[in-house]
Protein backbone atom coordinates (compact mmCIF):
# COMPACT_ATOMS: atom_id res chain seq x y z
CA MET A 1 -9.46 19.05 -8.29
CA SER A 2 -10.66 20.96 -11.35
CA ALA A 3 -11.32 24.69 -11.03
CA PRO A 4 -14.89 26.04 -11.36
CA SER A 5 -15.38 27.83 -14.66
CA ASN A 6 -16.35 31.01 -12.85
CA VAL A 7 -14.71 31.98 -9.55
CA SER A 8 -17.52 34.37 -8.67
CA ALA A 9 -20.01 31.47 -9.00
CA ALA A 10 -17.90 29.53 -6.48
CA LEU A 11 -18.01 32.50 -4.09
CA THR A 12 -21.80 32.53 -4.21
CA GLY A 13 -22.25 28.87 -3.31
CA GLU A 14 -20.60 26.50 -5.74
CA ARG A 15 -20.19 23.24 -3.75
CA LEU A 16 -16.65 22.51 -4.94
CA MET A 17 -15.74 21.42 -1.39
CA HIS A 18 -17.70 18.21 -1.97
CA ALA A 19 -15.62 17.07 -4.89
CA ARG A 20 -14.03 13.69 -4.48
CA ARG A 21 -10.59 14.99 -3.47
CA VAL A 22 -9.56 18.31 -2.04
CA ALA A 23 -6.31 19.23 -3.78
CA SER A 24 -5.18 21.66 -1.10
CA ILE A 25 -5.10 18.89 1.52
CA ASP A 26 -2.59 16.84 -0.54
CA VAL A 27 -0.56 19.99 -1.30
CA PHE A 28 -0.50 21.02 2.37
CA ARG A 29 0.55 17.51 3.38
CA GLY A 30 3.22 17.34 0.68
CA LEU A 31 4.73 20.70 1.51
CA THR A 32 4.78 19.81 5.20
CA MET A 33 6.57 16.54 4.34
CA MET A 34 9.12 18.41 2.24
CA VAL A 35 9.89 20.84 5.06
CA MET A 36 10.13 18.00 7.56
CA ILE A 37 12.72 16.15 5.45
CA PHE A 38 14.71 19.33 5.00
CA VAL A 39 14.78 20.39 8.66
CA ASN A 40 15.59 16.84 9.83
CA GLU A 41 18.57 16.72 7.54
CA LEU A 42 19.50 20.29 8.55
CA SER A 43 19.57 19.29 12.25
CA GLY A 44 22.99 17.71 11.72
CA VAL A 45 24.45 20.88 10.15
CA HIS A 46 26.36 23.28 12.44
CA GLY A 47 26.98 26.99 12.33
CA LEU A 48 23.47 28.12 11.29
CA PRO A 49 21.22 30.75 12.90
CA TRP A 50 19.23 29.69 15.98
CA TRP A 51 15.91 29.79 14.16
CA THR A 52 16.95 26.92 11.86
CA TYR A 53 16.81 24.42 14.72
CA HIS A 54 14.26 23.28 17.29
CA ALA A 55 14.11 25.57 20.34
CA HIS A 56 15.40 23.92 23.55
CA ALA A 57 13.01 23.08 26.39
CA GLN A 58 14.34 25.83 28.62
CA GLN A 59 13.85 28.48 25.94
CA ASP A 60 10.64 30.50 25.79
CA ILE A 61 10.58 30.74 21.99
CA MET A 62 9.48 28.75 18.96
CA THR A 63 10.99 28.54 15.48
CA TYR A 64 9.52 27.51 12.15
CA VAL A 65 10.97 24.07 12.78
CA ASP A 66 8.79 23.74 15.85
CA MET A 67 5.71 24.11 13.65
CA VAL A 68 6.29 21.10 11.41
CA PHE A 69 4.81 18.56 13.78
CA PRO A 70 1.73 20.71 14.47
CA PHE A 71 1.17 21.07 10.73
CA PHE A 72 1.11 17.25 10.51
CA LEU A 73 -1.39 17.00 13.37
CA PHE A 74 -3.53 19.76 11.83
CA ILE A 75 -3.81 18.03 8.44
CA VAL A 76 -4.71 14.75 10.15
CA GLY A 77 -7.67 16.64 11.62
CA MET A 78 -8.51 18.25 8.27
CA SER A 79 -8.70 14.86 6.60
CA MET A 80 -10.65 13.03 9.35
CA PRO A 81 -14.23 14.26 8.64
CA LEU A 82 -13.79 13.57 4.91
CA ALA A 83 -12.30 10.09 5.52
CA VAL A 84 -14.99 9.13 8.06
CA GLU A 85 -17.78 10.26 5.75
CA ARG A 86 -16.29 8.43 2.78
CA ARG A 87 -15.80 5.22 4.75
CA LEU A 88 -19.35 5.26 6.08
CA GLU A 89 -20.67 5.82 2.58
CA LEU A 90 -18.88 2.65 1.45
CA ASN A 91 -19.83 0.69 4.59
CA PRO A 92 -22.27 2.15 7.16
CA SER A 93 -21.10 -0.28 9.86
CA GLN A 94 -19.93 1.52 12.99
CA ARG A 95 -18.03 -1.53 14.08
CA ALA A 96 -16.07 -1.58 10.78
CA LEU A 97 -15.32 2.14 11.20
CA TRP A 98 -13.92 1.69 14.70
CA ARG A 99 -11.94 -1.36 13.65
CA HIS A 100 -10.34 0.73 10.88
CA ILE A 101 -9.55 3.56 13.34
CA ALA A 102 -8.01 1.15 15.87
CA LEU A 103 -5.92 -0.64 13.30
CA ARG A 104 -4.72 2.58 11.73
CA ALA A 105 -3.70 3.99 15.09
CA LEU A 106 -2.00 0.68 15.98
CA GLY A 107 -0.10 0.65 12.72
CA LEU A 108 1.29 4.18 13.28
CA ILE A 109 2.27 3.20 16.84
CA VAL A 110 4.04 0.07 15.67
CA LEU A 111 6.00 2.04 13.07
CA GLY A 112 6.82 4.70 15.63
CA LEU A 113 8.13 2.10 18.07
CA ILE A 114 10.39 0.60 15.40
CA LEU A 115 11.90 4.03 14.59
CA ALA A 116 12.18 5.03 18.27
CA ASN A 117 13.83 1.78 19.43
CA GLY A 118 16.33 1.27 16.62
CA GLU A 119 19.06 3.17 18.42
CA LYS A 120 18.43 1.17 21.63
CA VAL A 121 19.19 -2.22 20.08
CA ASP A 122 21.62 -4.27 22.15
CA SER A 123 23.60 -5.93 19.36
CA ALA A 124 25.52 -8.15 21.82
CA ARG A 125 22.28 -9.72 23.16
CA MET A 126 20.45 -9.90 19.85
CA GLY A 127 23.18 -10.79 17.41
CA ILE A 128 21.98 -8.18 14.95
CA SER A 129 22.99 -4.55 14.44
CA GLU A 130 20.79 -1.55 15.05
CA ALA A 131 20.64 -0.79 11.30
CA ALA A 132 19.83 -4.37 10.35
CA TRP A 133 17.06 -4.67 13.01
CA SER A 134 15.53 -1.35 11.92
CA LEU A 135 15.64 -2.20 8.21
CA LEU A 136 14.05 -5.59 8.88
CA GLY A 137 11.23 -3.87 10.75
CA LEU A 138 10.69 -1.18 8.14
CA ALA A 139 10.83 -3.79 5.32
CA GLY A 140 8.19 -5.78 7.13
CA ALA A 141 6.05 -2.66 7.54
CA VAL A 142 6.35 -1.79 3.81
CA LEU A 143 5.30 -5.32 2.80
CA PHE A 144 2.44 -5.51 5.29
CA TRP A 145 0.96 -2.09 4.46
CA LEU A 146 1.72 -2.10 0.72
CA ALA A 147 -1.38 -0.95 -1.15
CA PRO A 148 -2.49 -3.95 -3.30
CA ASN A 149 -2.75 -3.80 -7.05
CA ARG A 150 -6.38 -3.88 -8.18
CA ASP A 151 -5.61 -6.45 -10.82
CA ALA A 152 -7.04 -9.79 -9.63
CA ARG A 153 -4.07 -11.63 -11.12
CA PHE A 154 -1.82 -10.22 -8.39
CA ARG A 155 -4.17 -10.85 -5.49
CA ASN A 156 -2.31 -13.94 -4.22
CA LEU A 157 1.05 -12.21 -4.60
CA TYR A 158 0.00 -9.30 -2.46
CA ARG A 159 -1.56 -11.60 0.10
CA GLY A 160 1.74 -13.50 0.29
CA LEU A 161 3.72 -10.25 0.69
CA ARG A 162 1.36 -9.11 3.44
CA ILE A 163 1.82 -12.38 5.34
CA LEU A 164 5.62 -12.15 4.93
CA GLY A 165 5.54 -8.56 6.17
CA LEU A 166 3.54 -9.54 9.23
CA LEU A 167 5.96 -12.34 10.09
CA MET A 168 8.89 -9.91 9.80
CA LEU A 169 7.15 -7.45 12.11
CA ILE A 170 6.46 -10.18 14.65
CA ALA A 171 10.08 -11.27 14.39
CA VAL A 172 11.63 -7.88 15.05
CA PHE A 173 9.47 -7.29 18.11
CA THR A 174 10.13 -10.89 19.37
CA ILE A 175 13.89 -10.70 19.19
CA PHE A 176 14.28 -7.12 20.47
CA ARG A 177 16.36 -6.64 23.56
CA ARG A 178 17.88 -3.49 25.10
CA THR A 179 19.90 -2.75 28.21
CA THR A 180 18.55 -0.18 30.68
CA ALA A 181 20.60 2.40 32.52
CA ALA A 182 20.60 0.05 35.52
CA GLY A 183 22.07 -2.76 33.41
CA ASN A 184 18.90 -4.82 33.16
CA VAL A 185 17.62 -6.50 30.06
CA ALA A 186 14.40 -4.92 28.74
CA TRP A 187 12.03 -5.15 25.81
CA ILE A 188 10.61 -2.36 23.63
CA ASP A 189 10.65 1.12 25.20
CA GLY A 190 7.22 2.64 24.62
CA SER A 191 7.75 5.88 26.55
CA TYR A 192 8.35 7.85 23.35
CA PRO A 193 6.89 6.25 20.23
CA GLU A 194 8.44 8.77 17.80
CA ILE A 195 6.41 11.19 15.73
CA LEU A 196 4.42 8.47 13.94
CA GLY A 197 3.45 6.89 17.22
CA LEU A 198 2.42 10.24 18.72
CA ILE A 199 0.27 10.87 15.64
CA GLY A 200 -1.26 7.40 16.07
CA TYR A 201 -2.23 7.99 19.74
CA THR A 202 -3.52 11.50 18.90
CA TYR A 203 -5.54 10.21 15.93
CA LEU A 204 -7.19 7.65 18.23
CA ALA A 205 -7.84 10.16 21.02
CA VAL A 206 -9.45 12.68 18.64
CA ALA A 207 -11.53 9.96 16.93
CA LEU A 208 -12.91 8.99 20.33
CA LEU A 209 -14.26 12.54 20.69
CA TYR A 210 -15.19 13.39 17.13
CA VAL A 211 -16.85 10.27 15.70
CA PRO A 212 -19.67 9.86 18.30
CA THR A 213 -20.50 13.61 18.10
CA ARG A 214 -19.86 14.34 14.44
CA ARG A 215 -23.54 15.05 13.66
CA TRP A 216 -23.33 18.32 15.67
CA PRO A 217 -21.17 20.76 13.64
CA TRP A 218 -20.40 22.88 16.70
CA MET A 219 -18.96 20.02 18.77
CA PRO A 220 -15.44 20.07 17.29
CA LEU A 221 -15.09 23.68 18.42
CA ALA A 222 -16.30 22.73 21.91
CA TRP A 223 -13.85 19.84 22.02
CA PHE A 224 -11.03 22.15 20.80
CA ALA A 225 -11.82 24.61 23.63
CA ALA A 226 -11.89 21.77 26.18
CA LEU A 227 -8.59 20.32 24.99
CA THR A 228 -6.92 23.78 24.99
CA THR A 229 -8.20 24.29 28.55
CA LEU A 230 -6.78 20.90 29.55
CA CYS A 231 -3.42 21.88 28.00
CA ALA A 232 -3.42 25.17 29.93
CA LEU A 233 -4.24 23.43 33.21
CA GLN A 234 -1.51 20.87 32.60
CA THR A 235 1.07 23.55 31.74
CA SER A 236 0.19 25.54 34.84
CA HIS A 237 0.47 22.35 36.94
CA VAL A 238 -3.13 22.46 38.12
CA LEU A 239 -3.56 18.95 36.68
CA ALA A 240 -1.06 16.13 36.17
CA ILE A 241 -3.13 13.67 34.16
CA GLY A 242 -0.76 14.02 31.18
CA ARG A 243 1.82 11.99 33.08
CA LEU A 244 -0.16 8.81 32.45
CA PRO A 245 1.17 6.45 29.76
CA LEU A 246 -0.15 7.15 26.34
CA TYR A 247 -1.66 3.69 26.01
CA LEU A 248 -3.88 4.55 29.04
CA TRP A 249 -4.48 8.22 28.26
CA PRO A 250 -3.82 8.98 24.56
CA PHE A 251 -4.87 12.63 25.09
CA ASN A 252 -1.64 13.27 26.99
CA SER A 253 -1.68 16.95 28.05
CA GLY A 254 -4.34 17.82 25.46
CA ALA A 255 -1.82 19.75 23.36
CA TRP A 256 -1.51 17.41 20.35
CA ALA A 257 -5.17 16.52 20.35
CA SER A 258 -6.15 20.18 20.41
CA ILE A 259 -4.16 20.84 17.24
CA THR A 260 -5.75 17.90 15.46
CA MET A 261 -9.21 18.94 16.63
CA ALA A 262 -8.52 22.44 15.25
CA GLY A 263 -7.98 20.73 11.88
CA ILE A 264 -11.42 19.15 12.23
CA VAL A 265 -12.91 22.57 13.10
CA THR A 266 -11.36 24.04 9.92
CA SER A 267 -12.55 21.12 7.86
CA VAL A 268 -16.12 21.44 9.10
CA ILE A 269 -16.07 25.17 8.41
CA LEU A 270 -14.64 24.97 4.90
CA LEU A 271 -15.60 21.54 3.65
CA GLY A 272 -18.66 20.66 5.70
CA LYS A 273 -22.14 19.88 4.41
CA ASP A 274 -23.78 23.07 5.71
CA GLY A 275 -25.16 24.70 2.58
CA SER A 276 -26.40 27.84 4.26
CA ARG A 277 -23.04 29.61 3.87
CA THR A 278 -21.36 30.74 0.70
CA LEU A 279 -17.75 29.90 0.06
CA ARG A 280 -16.88 33.51 0.85
CA GLY A 281 -18.65 33.15 4.19
CA ARG A 282 -16.86 29.93 4.96
CA MET A 283 -13.42 31.44 4.24
CA TRP A 284 -14.20 34.49 6.36
CA LEU A 285 -15.31 32.19 9.22
CA ALA A 286 -12.08 30.16 8.93
CA LEU A 287 -10.08 33.40 8.91
CA ALA A 288 -11.93 34.52 12.10
CA PHE A 289 -11.05 31.14 13.69
CA ALA A 290 -7.37 31.69 12.85
CA ILE A 291 -7.34 35.19 14.29
CA ALA A 292 -9.13 33.98 17.44
CA THR A 293 -6.51 31.27 18.01
CA LEU A 294 -3.65 33.77 17.55
CA ALA A 295 -5.34 36.13 19.99
CA ALA A 296 -5.76 33.33 22.48
CA ALA A 297 -2.06 32.43 22.05
CA CYS A 298 -1.16 35.96 23.10
CA LEU A 299 -3.44 35.79 26.14
CA LEU A 300 -1.85 32.55 27.26
CA ALA A 301 1.69 33.72 26.55
CA PRO A 302 2.52 33.97 30.32
CA LEU A 303 2.41 30.14 30.39
CA GLY A 304 5.36 30.15 28.00
CA ILE A 305 5.78 29.15 24.39
CA SER A 306 7.59 25.88 23.76
CA LYS A 307 7.18 22.79 21.55
CA ILE A 308 9.12 20.62 23.95
CA ARG A 309 6.89 21.60 26.88
CA ALA A 310 3.82 21.56 24.59
CA THR A 311 2.48 24.87 25.94
CA PRO A 312 -0.97 26.15 24.87
CA THR A 313 0.61 29.25 23.25
CA TRP A 314 2.71 26.94 20.99
CA CYS A 315 -0.45 24.96 20.12
CA LEU A 316 -2.60 28.03 19.40
CA ALA A 317 0.07 29.87 17.39
CA SER A 318 0.66 26.74 15.34
CA VAL A 319 -3.09 26.32 14.75
CA GLY A 320 -3.42 29.93 13.62
CA ALA A 321 -0.52 29.55 11.21
CA SER A 322 -1.94 26.22 9.94
CA VAL A 323 -5.37 27.67 9.24
CA LEU A 324 -3.89 30.69 7.42
CA ALA A 325 -1.62 28.47 5.33
CA PHE A 326 -4.44 26.11 4.46
CA LEU A 327 -6.75 28.96 3.53
CA LEU A 328 -4.16 30.29 1.10
CA LEU A 329 -3.63 26.86 -0.45
CA TYR A 330 -7.40 26.23 -0.62
CA TRP A 331 -7.92 29.45 -2.55
CA ILE A 332 -5.05 28.77 -4.96
CA CYS A 333 -5.54 25.03 -5.51
CA ASP A 334 -9.27 24.44 -5.17
CA VAL A 335 -10.95 27.76 -5.94
CA GLN A 336 -8.53 29.00 -8.59
CA GLY A 337 -7.65 25.46 -9.72
CA LYS A 338 -3.92 26.22 -9.91
CA THR A 339 -2.14 23.01 -8.85
CA ALA A 340 0.54 22.59 -11.51
CA TRP A 341 3.08 24.53 -9.41
CA ALA A 342 2.78 21.87 -6.62
CA LYS A 343 3.40 18.79 -8.78
CA PHE A 344 6.81 18.35 -7.18
CA VAL A 345 5.23 17.62 -3.77
CA GLU A 346 2.18 15.76 -5.06
CA PRO A 347 3.61 12.24 -4.52
CA ALA A 348 4.69 13.16 -0.98
CA GLY A 349 1.17 14.37 -0.30
CA GLU A 350 -0.50 11.28 -1.72
CA ASN A 351 2.06 8.67 -0.57
CA THR A 352 2.96 10.34 2.68
CA LEU A 353 3.80 7.37 4.90
CA LEU A 354 6.31 5.85 2.48
CA THR A 355 7.84 9.27 1.86
CA TYR A 356 8.19 9.69 5.64
CA LEU A 357 10.06 6.40 5.95
CA LEU A 358 12.42 6.89 2.98
CA PRO A 359 15.01 9.08 4.84
CA ASP A 360 15.21 6.54 7.70
CA ILE A 361 15.52 3.70 5.19
CA TYR A 362 18.47 5.60 3.58
CA TYR A 363 20.12 6.27 6.94
CA TYR A 364 19.97 2.59 8.01
CA LEU A 365 21.17 1.40 4.58
CA ALA A 366 24.09 3.83 4.81
CA ALA A 367 24.93 2.61 8.32
CA LEU A 368 24.76 -1.01 7.21
CA ALA A 369 27.11 -0.27 4.32
CA GLY A 370 29.46 1.74 6.53
CA PHE A 371 28.93 4.88 4.40
CA ALA A 372 29.63 7.85 6.65
CA TYR A 373 31.00 10.40 4.18
CA LEU A 374 28.11 12.82 4.52
CA ASP A 375 28.29 12.67 8.33
CA ASN A 376 31.81 14.13 8.19
CA HIS A 377 31.47 16.45 5.16
CA PHE A 378 29.13 19.24 4.06
CA ASN A 379 27.92 19.64 7.66
CA MET A 380 28.77 23.29 8.25
CA GLY A 381 27.07 26.51 7.17
CA SER A 382 25.88 27.06 3.61
CA SER A 383 27.39 23.79 2.32
CA GLY A 384 25.25 21.94 4.86
CA VAL A 385 22.16 23.81 3.74
CA ILE A 386 22.87 22.83 0.10
CA ARG A 387 23.33 19.24 1.21
CA ALA A 388 19.94 19.33 2.98
CA ILE A 389 18.25 20.80 -0.11
CA VAL A 390 19.78 18.17 -2.44
CA PHE A 391 18.84 15.36 -0.03
CA THR A 392 15.25 16.61 0.19
CA CYS A 393 14.95 16.78 -3.60
CA LEU A 394 16.33 13.25 -3.99
CA ILE A 395 13.85 11.87 -1.44
CA LEU A 396 10.98 13.60 -3.26
CA LEU A 397 12.21 12.18 -6.62
CA VAL A 398 12.43 8.66 -5.16
CA SER A 399 8.98 9.06 -3.70
CA ALA A 400 7.66 10.22 -7.08
CA GLY A 401 9.21 7.22 -8.82
CA LEU A 402 7.82 4.72 -6.32
CA THR A 403 4.36 6.37 -6.49
CA ARG A 404 4.36 6.17 -10.31
CA THR A 405 5.16 2.46 -10.10
CA ARG A 406 2.19 2.07 -7.72
CA ILE A 407 4.31 1.31 -4.67
CA ARG A 408 2.25 2.97 -1.95
CA LEU A 409 1.69 2.37 1.74
CA GLN A 410 -1.89 2.27 2.95
CA LEU A 411 -2.88 2.27 6.63
């Protein structure tokens, strides 16, 4: 996004938030992706301080690592009002909008199930290794969701790749077999659909609340309060509805949906159509929302603070941090127009899904080739940290190269 010629003019009402693309959203998403790749690689490194890993379920603490997933959920919410508005401008059909929402959620769930079930492959029953099955599934996903080239000459090629990808996805789900703890043969385990699947279910749940009520700007805040209350009641064992399967109750305990809804609240405050507030007023209101969530996190601290247990304090503290981080990026990238410093994460922010899958693709390729050197070396202390940094940079470089060659995934 280009900077306004006069920042003071922006502060008195310049409508830069209605430009075609909000730079800070892509930067926020890209930085979150970078940290996610780094901490995932760092999880296999030993001998580091406790705050460099996820906190355990029995611990009443949270680390910066525990905030990566909430940042993803938050930016999903930030993007939703803009995406819904843009889609309705192109096609005002409500049926088409809901079809898109359902297919997008389904796509994320399918990808999550592939990633979550790879390690459960029973090679003896299937005749294919864990790595080979996972790579086949991810390759099918890449082909099926590959963003098509706009050149009409390649239309049939992309249609063929899409059909091939769908056949590969059907194949991996058809042949999948695992063995349960009781020794029985079973199909796909949907109890934990990995991060992508959780985002898919949460995206669907929040859309069910937001889309029908989007004309009332105050409703996202009401939904956020309701979902936070649900989370508190679940955590205190007053309710047990969160035990239902996600395909029946995608809201789960309300924790993940509350974080995504907070992103919608922030988006409505900062980027909404209400022209009665200046940019300065919007930013102060967003800051007040962040402070209120942090204060509420302190009030609910007796319920514990834990990512694994998805406590309301974890949710609210993550929301407060997300809003503050986005406000800073919004001021730097969209108001001041300074985005050059973030070029290194730009591809990860714009081509997020493919960037997310690249580390897993590498891990499965390495397993298939029998390459285990890094598993046994550079996995202690500072050398492990350097390895994680180098790995993160390489993934970002590969992502940038693929993005430049117009290889993108589009759900």
